Amino acid sequence: MEFKNDTEALQAFGDKYKTLNNEIGKVIVGQNETIKNVLISVFSRGHCLLVGVPGLAKTLLVNTIADSLGLSFNRIQFTPDLMPSDIIGSEILDEQRHFKFIKGPLFSNIILADEINRTPPKTQAALLEAMQERQVTAAGKRYLLENPFFVLATQNPIEQEGTYPLPEAQLDRFMFNVWLDYPTFAEELQVVKQTTTNITAKANTVLSGAEIVFYQDLIRKIPVADNVIEYAVRLVNKTRLNSEHTAEVTKKYLQWGAGPRASQYLVMGAKCHAAIAGKFSPDIEDVKAIAEPILRHRLVRNYKAEAEGISTEAIIKQLV
């Protein structure tokens, strides 16, 4: 890809994003904010957790994004009997009696971790190294994962029988925690019309793996003003009980606050949010726009907040 300068490349990125959004819109009705957040996490080299009741097209959304990005894609259905080797792969003895590593489904560009909370912690933990270091260690040997690599996980918030809540360390590795809501009446009408005939819509490929890596590097190069970085870091500091910037709402309703990854993701997400909007540098409004899905899964409410029915989203609104 040849561009005269980064400004021209950023303009091209904005155009590509619009085309990508239109292609996904052929298959997915509504869910505009969800699609936007998933794509921001992709271009920011992050991972995304999609939480919603059954039937809201979480799996279809990930499938469609994989089609439009032209990347290798594997779906892993998480079940209570799934083992770490079922994900990362295992060693076998070949015909020459040599140990040979057979790669598991984790070796792909996009991983759909379906119903991630249905598998025991031992198997959930198999994803930790892959999500952070983009590598897998098996039998003492490191195997690098393909670039780009991102995990898009789904979770059902209603059924809690036979589930294993994700530990804080794993939740922290997800850039976004995106809640999917029911469609509006008009959107559901369109969904029913689209899905009850023999005609099926399919998204065309818009970007290649090399182009995605190029735009990921480009977004990291976007300059950010000091006051924007300070706002992002102060916002995260407000969520901590022992910080010099602790907010009153934190003292009242929070047990634990967000870690440094939240500050990093706020700045990276703001860069991508600005690029999508056609801006060459993010401002405080870009940080505010993505604060909720970044902080939602990093704040632990105390008993008082739960007893009074104060949601994490309400706390974030006060902090922002």
Protein backbone atom coordinates (compact mmCIF):
# COMPACT_ATOMS: atom_id res chain seq x y z
CA MET A 1 0.00 0.00 0.00
CA GLU A 2 1.51 3.28 -1.14
CA PHE A 3 0.48 6.62 0.32
CA LYS A 4 2.26 9.98 0.09
CA ASN A 5 1.91 10.56 3.83
CA ASP A 6 0.07 9.41 6.96
CA THR A 7 -2.68 12.02 6.43
CA GLU A 8 -3.60 10.45 3.09
CA ALA A 9 -3.44 6.97 4.65
CA LEU A 10 -5.80 8.04 7.48
CA GLN A 11 -8.29 9.39 4.94
CA ALA A 12 -8.12 6.07 3.10
CA PHE A 13 -8.72 4.27 6.41
CA GLY A 14 -11.88 6.33 6.98
CA ASP A 15 -13.17 5.32 3.53
CA LYS A 16 -12.31 1.64 4.11
CA TYR A 17 -14.10 1.70 7.46
CA LYS A 18 -17.29 3.05 5.84
CA THR A 19 -17.14 0.36 3.13
CA LEU A 20 -16.54 -2.30 5.80
CA ASN A 21 -19.48 -1.04 7.84
CA ASN A 22 -21.76 -1.14 4.77
CA GLU A 23 -20.74 -4.73 3.96
CA ILE A 24 -21.43 -5.88 7.53
CA GLY A 25 -24.75 -3.97 7.41
CA LYS A 26 -25.87 -6.19 4.50
CA VAL A 27 -26.07 -9.13 6.93
CA ILE A 28 -26.43 -7.57 10.41
CA VAL A 29 -29.48 -5.37 11.01
CA GLY A 30 -28.96 -2.61 13.58
CA GLN A 31 -26.30 -3.17 16.30
CA ASN A 32 -24.38 -0.17 14.88
CA GLU A 33 -22.64 0.67 18.16
CA THR A 34 -21.66 -2.98 18.67
CA ILE A 35 -20.17 -3.25 15.17
CA LYS A 36 -18.27 0.01 15.70
CA ASN A 37 -16.80 -1.19 19.01
CA VAL A 38 -15.77 -4.58 17.59
CA LEU A 39 -14.03 -2.90 14.63
CA ILE A 40 -12.27 -0.42 16.94
CA SER A 41 -10.94 -3.34 18.99
CA VAL A 42 -9.75 -5.06 15.78
CA PHE A 43 -7.84 -1.98 14.54
CA SER A 44 -6.49 -1.30 18.05
CA ARG A 45 -5.07 -4.86 18.33
CA GLY A 46 -7.51 -5.64 21.13
CA HIS A 47 -9.97 -8.41 21.95
CA CYS A 48 -13.71 -8.07 22.45
CA LEU A 49 -16.24 -9.77 24.75
CA LEU A 50 -19.84 -9.73 23.45
CA VAL A 51 -22.49 -10.21 26.14
CA GLY A 52 -26.13 -10.71 25.25
CA VAL A 53 -29.11 -13.04 25.48
CA PRO A 54 -29.46 -15.86 22.89
CA GLY A 55 -30.60 -14.97 19.40
CA LEU A 56 -29.06 -11.49 19.09
CA ALA A 57 -26.72 -12.56 16.24
CA LYS A 58 -23.49 -12.51 18.28
CA THR A 59 -22.05 -15.50 16.41
CA LEU A 60 -23.35 -14.25 13.04
CA LEU A 61 -21.73 -10.85 13.70
CA VAL A 62 -18.31 -12.43 14.26
CA ASN A 63 -18.74 -14.66 11.18
CA THR A 64 -19.68 -11.65 9.04
CA ILE A 65 -16.71 -9.58 10.28
CA ALA A 66 -14.38 -12.50 9.48
CA ASP A 67 -15.84 -12.69 5.94
CA SER A 68 -15.46 -8.94 5.31
CA LEU A 69 -11.88 -8.90 6.62
CA GLY A 70 -10.75 -11.84 4.52
CA LEU A 71 -8.96 -13.56 7.40
CA SER A 72 -8.70 -17.16 8.56
CA PHE A 73 -11.40 -17.87 11.12
CA ASN A 74 -12.02 -20.62 13.68
CA ARG A 75 -14.99 -21.08 15.98
CA ILE A 76 -14.42 -22.83 19.31
CA GLN A 77 -17.55 -23.95 21.14
CA PHE A 78 -16.63 -23.83 24.83
CA THR A 79 -18.12 -26.73 26.79
CA PRO A 80 -17.56 -28.10 30.34
CA ASP A 81 -15.45 -31.02 29.03
CA LEU A 82 -13.16 -28.93 26.77
CA MET A 83 -9.44 -29.32 27.58
CA PRO A 84 -6.57 -26.83 27.00
CA SER A 85 -5.06 -29.16 24.38
CA ASP A 86 -8.36 -29.01 22.43
CA ILE A 87 -7.65 -25.28 21.91
CA ILE A 88 -3.88 -24.87 21.63
CA GLY A 89 -3.05 -28.29 20.16
CA SER A 90 -1.08 -31.30 21.39
CA GLU A 91 1.97 -33.43 20.69
CA ILE A 92 1.64 -36.76 18.92
CA LEU A 93 4.11 -39.53 18.09
CA ASP A 94 4.54 -39.68 14.31
CA GLU A 95 5.47 -42.70 12.13
CA GLN A 96 9.19 -42.07 12.69
CA ARG A 97 8.55 -42.13 16.46
CA HIS A 98 9.28 -38.40 16.78
CA PHE A 99 7.09 -36.07 18.76
CA LYS A 100 5.24 -33.67 16.51
CA PHE A 101 3.10 -30.70 17.58
CA ILE A 102 -0.34 -30.55 15.94
CA LYS A 103 -1.69 -27.01 16.06
CA GLY A 104 -5.15 -26.48 17.52
CA PRO A 105 -7.90 -24.10 16.37
CA LEU A 106 -6.25 -21.21 18.24
CA PHE A 107 -3.83 -20.85 15.32
CA SER A 108 -6.01 -18.57 13.23
CA ASN A 109 -6.49 -14.81 12.69
CA ILE A 110 -9.94 -14.53 14.24
CA ILE A 111 -11.05 -16.80 17.08
CA LEU A 112 -14.71 -16.95 18.03
CA ALA A 113 -14.74 -18.18 21.64
CA ASP A 114 -18.42 -19.11 21.81
CA GLU A 115 -19.99 -19.20 25.30
CA ILE A 116 -16.55 -18.69 26.88
CA ASN A 117 -17.96 -18.96 30.43
CA ARG A 118 -19.15 -22.55 29.87
CA THR A 119 -15.69 -24.08 30.22
CA PRO A 120 -13.65 -24.62 33.44
CA PRO A 121 -10.92 -22.12 34.49
CA LYS A 122 -8.13 -24.48 33.37
CA THR A 123 -9.32 -24.24 29.76
CA GLN A 124 -10.17 -20.54 29.99
CA ALA A 125 -6.59 -19.92 31.15
CA ALA A 126 -5.26 -21.55 27.95
CA LEU A 127 -6.27 -18.31 26.20
CA LEU A 128 -4.38 -15.97 28.55
CA GLU A 129 -0.92 -16.25 26.96
CA ALA A 130 -2.35 -16.15 23.43
CA MET A 131 -4.37 -12.99 24.11
CA GLN A 132 -1.53 -11.05 25.70
CA GLU A 133 1.69 -12.31 24.07
CA ARG A 134 0.25 -13.60 20.76
CA GLN A 135 2.04 -16.89 21.32
CA VAL A 136 1.43 -20.39 22.68
CA THR A 137 3.82 -22.45 24.81
CA ALA A 138 3.49 -26.23 24.47
CA ALA A 139 5.96 -28.82 25.82
CA GLY A 140 8.42 -26.03 26.62
CA LYS A 141 8.44 -24.66 23.07
CA ARG A 142 6.98 -21.31 21.93
CA TYR A 143 4.81 -21.04 18.83
CA LEU A 144 3.98 -17.58 17.48
CA LEU A 145 0.41 -16.94 16.40
CA GLU A 146 -0.49 -15.42 13.04
CA ASN A 147 -0.71 -11.65 12.76
CA PRO A 148 -3.30 -10.11 12.97
CA PHE A 149 -4.81 -12.13 15.83
CA PHE A 150 -7.86 -11.33 17.91
CA VAL A 151 -10.30 -13.18 20.14
CA LEU A 152 -13.99 -12.30 19.92
CA ALA A 153 -15.76 -14.08 22.76
CA THR A 154 -19.49 -14.40 23.46
CA GLN A 155 -21.27 -14.84 26.76
CA ASN A 156 -24.90 -15.30 27.85
CA PRO A 157 -25.72 -13.18 30.94
CA ILE A 158 -28.93 -15.03 31.86
CA GLU A 159 -28.06 -18.70 32.32
CA GLN A 160 -25.66 -19.14 35.21
CA GLU A 161 -26.11 -22.89 35.81
CA GLY A 162 -23.08 -24.86 34.66
CA THR A 163 -21.03 -21.72 33.98
CA TYR A 164 -17.65 -20.56 35.24
CA PRO A 165 -17.40 -16.75 35.56
CA LEU A 166 -14.29 -15.37 33.86
CA PRO A 167 -11.54 -14.42 36.34
CA GLU A 168 -10.55 -10.74 36.59
CA ALA A 169 -7.16 -11.43 34.95
CA GLN A 170 -8.88 -12.78 31.86
CA LEU A 171 -11.55 -10.09 31.73
CA ASP A 172 -8.78 -7.47 31.88
CA ARG A 173 -7.30 -8.83 28.65
CA PHE A 174 -10.45 -7.92 26.74
CA MET A 175 -10.32 -4.37 25.44
CA PHE A 176 -14.11 -4.06 25.24
CA ASN A 177 -17.04 -5.61 27.05
CA VAL A 178 -19.95 -4.92 24.70
CA TRP A 179 -23.55 -5.44 25.77
CA LEU A 180 -25.98 -6.36 22.99
CA ASP A 181 -29.56 -5.25 23.49
CA TYR A 182 -32.79 -6.43 21.87
CA PRO A 183 -33.47 -4.93 18.42
CA THR A 184 -36.11 -2.24 17.98
CA PHE A 185 -39.48 -3.20 16.49
CA ALA A 186 -38.47 -1.86 13.03
CA GLU A 187 -35.12 -3.69 13.15
CA GLU A 188 -36.73 -6.98 14.20
CA LEU A 189 -39.23 -6.60 11.36
CA GLN A 190 -36.33 -6.28 8.91
CA VAL A 191 -34.50 -9.27 10.48
CA VAL A 192 -37.57 -11.48 10.03
CA LYS A 193 -38.03 -10.36 6.40
CA GLN A 194 -34.34 -11.05 5.62
CA THR A 195 -34.08 -14.44 7.30
CA THR A 196 -37.33 -16.20 6.32
CA THR A 197 -36.66 -16.54 2.59
CA ASN A 198 -34.19 -18.51 0.47
CA ILE A 199 -32.19 -15.36 -0.28
CA THR A 200 -29.18 -15.01 2.02
CA ALA A 201 -26.99 -11.91 2.19
CA LYS A 202 -23.22 -12.28 2.36
CA ALA A 203 -20.54 -9.70 3.08
CA ASN A 204 -17.78 -9.19 0.50
CA THR A 205 -14.13 -9.04 1.50
CA VAL A 206 -13.01 -5.44 2.01
CA LEU A 207 -9.59 -5.72 3.70
CA SER A 208 -6.74 -8.23 3.60
CA GLY A 209 -4.60 -9.28 6.57
CA ALA A 210 -1.68 -7.13 5.35
CA GLU A 211 -3.94 -4.07 5.07
CA ILE A 212 -5.28 -4.60 8.60
CA VAL A 213 -1.72 -4.78 10.00
CA PHE A 214 -0.85 -1.61 8.06
CA TYR A 215 -3.84 0.29 9.51
CA GLN A 216 -3.13 -1.07 13.01
CA ASP A 217 0.41 0.38 12.77
CA LEU A 218 -0.97 3.63 11.33
CA ILE A 219 -3.40 4.11 14.22
CA ARG A 220 -0.61 3.56 16.75
CA LYS A 221 1.29 6.44 15.08
CA ILE A 222 -1.55 8.95 15.57
CA PRO A 223 -0.31 11.74 17.90
CA VAL A 224 -2.24 12.41 21.12
CA ALA A 225 -2.19 15.69 23.06
CA ASP A 226 -0.92 15.48 26.66
CA ASN A 227 -4.21 16.75 28.09
CA VAL A 228 -6.09 13.85 26.43
CA ILE A 229 -3.68 11.26 27.86
CA GLU A 230 -3.92 12.93 31.27
CA TYR A 231 -7.73 12.84 31.10
CA ALA A 232 -7.68 9.08 30.28
CA VAL A 233 -5.22 8.26 33.08
CA ARG A 234 -7.08 10.47 35.60
CA LEU A 235 -10.37 8.80 34.67
CA VAL A 236 -8.89 5.39 35.46
CA ASN A 237 -7.28 6.72 38.66
CA LYS A 238 -10.71 7.96 39.78
CA THR A 239 -11.86 4.31 39.97
CA ARG A 240 -9.18 3.32 42.51
CA LEU A 241 -9.79 3.58 46.24
CA ASN A 242 -6.19 4.44 47.20
CA SER A 243 -5.50 7.02 44.45
CA GLU A 244 -4.94 10.75 44.85
CA HIS A 245 -7.75 11.27 42.30
CA THR A 246 -10.30 8.90 43.89
CA ALA A 247 -13.86 10.04 43.15
CA GLU A 248 -16.64 10.18 45.76
CA VAL A 249 -18.73 7.69 43.80
CA THR A 250 -15.76 5.27 43.93
CA LYS A 251 -15.51 5.47 47.73
CA LYS A 252 -19.24 4.90 47.97
CA TYR A 253 -19.86 2.10 45.47
CA LEU A 254 -16.64 0.40 44.30
CA GLN A 255 -14.57 -2.39 45.80
CA TRP A 256 -11.87 -2.52 43.11
CA GLY A 257 -10.96 -0.16 40.27
CA ALA A 258 -9.40 -0.51 36.82
CA GLY A 259 -5.72 -1.29 36.17
CA PRO A 260 -3.18 0.32 33.79
CA ARG A 261 -4.50 -1.67 30.80
CA ALA A 262 -7.66 0.46 30.99
CA SER A 263 -5.58 3.65 30.53
CA GLN A 264 -3.72 2.12 27.57
CA TYR A 265 -6.94 0.94 25.91
CA LEU A 266 -8.66 4.32 26.47
CA VAL A 267 -5.89 6.08 24.55
CA MET A 268 -5.64 3.44 21.80
CA GLY A 269 -9.43 3.28 21.42
CA ALA A 270 -9.66 7.08 21.31
CA LYS A 271 -7.09 7.15 18.48
CA CYS A 272 -9.13 4.69 16.42
CA HIS A 273 -12.43 6.41 17.28
CA ALA A 274 -10.96 9.71 16.05
CA ALA A 275 -9.62 8.13 12.82
CA ILE A 276 -13.07 6.68 12.05
CA ALA A 277 -14.61 10.14 12.52
CA GLY A 278 -12.08 11.67 10.10
CA LYS A 279 -9.99 13.41 12.76
CA PHE A 280 -6.19 13.34 12.78
CA SER A 281 -5.84 13.38 16.57
CA PRO A 282 -8.24 12.32 19.35
CA ASP A 283 -9.77 14.69 21.87
CA ILE A 284 -11.42 14.16 25.27
CA GLU A 285 -14.79 13.45 23.59
CA ASP A 286 -13.24 10.39 21.88
CA VAL A 287 -12.09 9.06 25.26
CA LYS A 288 -15.58 9.59 26.72
CA ALA A 289 -17.18 7.82 23.72
CA ILE A 290 -15.41 4.52 24.44
CA ALA A 291 -15.09 4.73 28.24
CA GLU A 292 -18.12 2.60 29.07
CA PRO A 293 -17.24 -0.64 27.19
CA ILE A 294 -13.60 -0.35 28.35
CA LEU A 295 -14.34 0.21 32.06
CA ARG A 296 -17.51 -1.90 32.39
CA HIS A 297 -15.75 -5.21 33.12
CA ARG A 298 -12.87 -3.70 35.11
CA LEU A 299 -14.87 -2.21 37.99
CA VAL A 300 -15.98 -4.38 40.90
CA ARG A 301 -18.99 -2.97 42.77
CA ASN A 302 -19.27 -3.31 46.54
CA TYR A 303 -22.22 -4.65 48.54
CA LYS A 304 -23.76 -1.17 48.95
CA ALA A 305 -23.94 -0.67 45.15
CA GLU A 306 -25.54 -4.09 44.63
CA ALA A 307 -28.02 -3.56 47.48
CA GLU A 308 -29.07 -0.17 46.10
CA GLY A 309 -29.22 -1.46 42.52
CA ILE A 310 -26.53 0.94 41.26
CA SER A 311 -25.22 -0.40 37.94
CA THR A 312 -21.62 -0.23 36.74
CA GLU A 313 -22.81 1.89 33.79
CA ALA A 314 -24.35 4.46 36.17
CA ILE A 315 -21.06 4.68 38.08
CA ILE A 316 -19.08 5.16 34.84
CA LYS A 317 -21.43 7.97 33.75
CA GLN A 318 -20.71 9.79 37.02
CA LEU A 319 -16.96 9.27 36.65
CA VAL A 320 -16.88 10.53 33.03
